[in-house]
Amino acid sequence: MGETWAEQLDAGTGLIQLTSLVQGIFTSVSERHDLTPVQARLLCVLIGGPRGMAELAQLFGVEKAALTGLMDRIEKRGLAARSAVPGDRRAVQVTLTDAGRQAATAFHADIGAALGQLTDAIPAADLERFRATIAGIVTKCRPPLP
């Protein structure tokens, strides 16, 4: 009897399939919150506090000009605001508004619950090993913070 597709799955293929699954869930939850996936990602980043436009452009892998369009749309919706950085008149930082913080918190809770369903059936010991493995990969690959 042959192996099932799951038994034939190598790590790279598994990661690609998992990424596709997570992105699909992220997109679906974003739409339920009337956000594009990139807007939802921006809110998730900003929930940690204000970020500079240059830093955001680097995090998103885009030029500052491309980020400006995203910021125009998110600002128009009243979810975030740009302001000058004290002591650096050329630098601009982005901060969530109260409405943006509420939207980010609601989205974060919803996406956490939706993604949590993916791992509900995993036994606790396996889930901890999975979590530690993910943390190791992310830590190894994450660029250093500015």
Protein backbone atom coordinates (compact mmCIF):
# COMPACT_ATOMS: atom_id res chain seq x y z
CA MET A 1 0.00 0.00 0.00
CA GLY A 2 1.39 3.44 -0.95
CA GLU A 3 2.02 6.37 1.29
CA THR A 4 -0.64 9.02 1.70
CA TRP A 5 0.08 12.53 0.41
CA ALA A 6 0.63 13.65 4.02
CA GLU A 7 3.28 10.99 4.53
CA GLN A 8 5.06 12.07 1.33
CA LEU A 9 5.04 15.75 2.33
CA ASP A 10 8.50 17.24 2.71
CA ALA A 11 9.08 20.25 4.97
CA GLY A 12 9.28 22.79 2.13
CA THR A 13 6.07 21.61 0.49
CA GLY A 14 4.37 21.51 3.88
CA LEU A 15 5.41 25.09 4.61
CA ILE A 16 4.11 26.24 1.22
CA GLN A 17 0.76 24.53 1.81
CA LEU A 18 0.55 25.89 5.37
CA THR A 19 1.38 29.39 4.13
CA SER A 20 -1.40 29.18 1.55
CA LEU A 21 -3.85 28.01 4.19
CA VAL A 22 -2.88 30.78 6.64
CA GLN A 23 -3.01 33.45 3.91
CA GLY A 24 -6.48 32.28 2.92
CA ILE A 25 -7.69 32.55 6.51
CA PHE A 26 -6.00 35.94 6.92
CA THR A 27 -7.71 37.21 3.75
CA SER A 28 -11.10 35.87 4.82
CA VAL A 29 -10.88 37.42 8.30
CA SER A 30 -9.62 40.70 6.79
CA GLU A 31 -12.65 40.83 4.51
CA ARG A 32 -15.01 40.20 7.45
CA HIS A 33 -13.46 43.26 9.09
CA ASP A 34 -13.79 45.33 5.89
CA LEU A 35 -10.01 45.49 5.51
CA THR A 36 -7.65 44.43 2.78
CA PRO A 37 -5.01 41.95 3.96
CA VAL A 38 -2.32 44.64 3.74
CA GLN A 39 -4.44 47.05 5.79
CA ALA A 40 -4.98 44.34 8.40
CA ARG A 41 -1.24 43.65 8.48
CA LEU A 42 -0.53 47.35 8.95
CA LEU A 43 -2.96 47.54 11.87
CA CYS A 44 -1.32 44.47 13.44
CA VAL A 45 2.11 46.10 13.14
CA LEU A 46 0.89 49.41 14.57
CA ILE A 47 -0.85 47.82 17.53
CA GLY A 48 2.63 47.56 19.05
CA GLY A 49 3.04 51.34 18.93
CA PRO A 50 3.96 54.10 16.50
CA ARG A 51 6.29 53.24 13.62
CA GLY A 52 8.20 55.43 11.25
CA MET A 53 7.26 55.49 7.57
CA ALA A 54 10.77 54.35 6.59
CA GLU A 55 10.57 51.43 9.03
CA LEU A 56 7.12 50.45 7.74
CA ALA A 57 8.33 50.59 4.14
CA GLN A 58 11.17 48.25 5.09
CA LEU A 59 8.85 45.87 6.98
CA PHE A 60 6.46 45.72 4.03
CA GLY A 61 9.26 45.50 1.46
CA VAL A 62 8.04 48.50 -0.53
CA GLU A 63 9.27 51.97 -1.40
CA LYS A 64 8.06 54.83 0.79
CA ALA A 65 5.97 56.11 -2.14
CA ALA A 66 3.99 52.85 -2.27
CA LEU A 67 3.43 53.00 1.48
CA THR A 68 2.10 56.55 1.11
CA GLY A 69 -0.85 55.26 -0.95
CA LEU A 70 -1.67 52.67 1.70
CA MET A 71 -1.44 55.32 4.40
CA ASP A 72 -3.67 57.69 2.43
CA ARG A 73 -6.39 55.01 2.34
CA ILE A 74 -6.05 53.93 5.98
CA GLU A 75 -5.92 57.55 7.16
CA LYS A 76 -9.04 58.40 5.12
CA ARG A 77 -10.84 55.61 7.00
CA GLY A 78 -9.77 57.17 10.30
CA LEU A 79 -7.74 54.14 11.42
CA ALA A 80 -4.28 55.73 11.62
CA ALA A 81 -2.64 59.11 11.51
CA ARG A 82 0.72 60.40 10.36
CA SER A 83 2.64 62.95 12.40
CA ALA A 84 6.08 64.50 12.54
CA VAL A 85 8.70 62.82 14.69
CA PRO A 86 9.78 65.18 17.47
CA GLY A 87 13.33 66.33 16.83
CA ASP A 88 13.42 65.21 13.19
CA ARG A 89 11.34 67.42 10.93
CA ARG A 90 11.87 65.13 7.91
CA ALA A 91 10.71 61.94 9.61
CA VAL A 92 7.07 60.88 9.82
CA GLN A 93 5.58 58.35 12.19
CA VAL A 94 2.30 56.45 11.99
CA THR A 95 0.04 55.91 14.99
CA LEU A 96 -3.28 54.12 15.34
CA THR A 97 -6.28 56.28 16.13
CA ASP A 98 -8.79 55.09 18.74
CA ALA A 99 -10.90 53.61 15.93
CA GLY A 100 -7.76 51.99 14.49
CA ARG A 101 -6.84 50.48 17.86
CA GLN A 102 -10.37 49.06 18.20
CA ALA A 103 -10.23 47.66 14.66
CA ALA A 104 -6.76 46.20 15.23
CA THR A 105 -7.77 44.61 18.55
CA ALA A 106 -10.94 43.10 17.05
CA PHE A 107 -9.07 41.81 13.99
CA HIS A 108 -6.25 40.39 16.11
CA ALA A 109 -8.72 38.51 18.34
CA ASP A 110 -10.63 37.16 15.34
CA ILE A 111 -7.53 36.06 13.42
CA GLY A 112 -6.11 34.46 16.56
CA ALA A 113 -9.30 32.45 17.04
CA ALA A 114 -9.46 31.45 13.36
CA LEU A 115 -5.82 30.36 13.25
CA GLY A 116 -6.17 28.64 16.62
CA GLN A 117 -8.71 26.30 15.06
CA LEU A 118 -5.91 24.93 12.86
CA THR A 119 -4.10 23.58 15.90
CA ASP A 120 -7.01 22.66 18.21
CA ALA A 121 -6.67 18.93 17.56
CA ILE A 122 -2.89 18.80 18.09
CA PRO A 123 -1.89 17.17 21.40
CA ALA A 124 -0.32 19.60 23.91
CA ALA A 125 3.23 18.17 23.70
CA ASP A 126 3.20 18.24 19.89
CA LEU A 127 1.73 21.74 19.90
CA GLU A 128 4.52 23.00 22.18
CA ARG A 129 7.14 21.43 19.90
CA PHE A 130 5.41 23.03 16.88
CA ARG A 131 5.31 26.44 18.62
CA ALA A 132 9.00 26.19 19.58
CA THR A 133 9.96 25.18 16.04
CA ILE A 134 8.04 28.10 14.55
CA ALA A 135 9.64 30.49 17.07
CA GLY A 136 13.08 29.18 16.13
CA ILE A 137 12.47 29.65 12.42
CA VAL A 138 11.06 33.16 12.87
CA THR A 139 13.87 34.19 15.22
CA LYS A 140 16.54 32.88 12.85
CA CYS A 141 15.05 34.55 9.79
CA ARG A 142 13.75 37.83 11.20
CA PRO A 143 15.87 40.83 10.28
CA PRO A 144 17.34 42.65 13.28
CA LEU A 145 15.21 45.45 14.66
CA PRO A 146 16.44 48.96 13.82
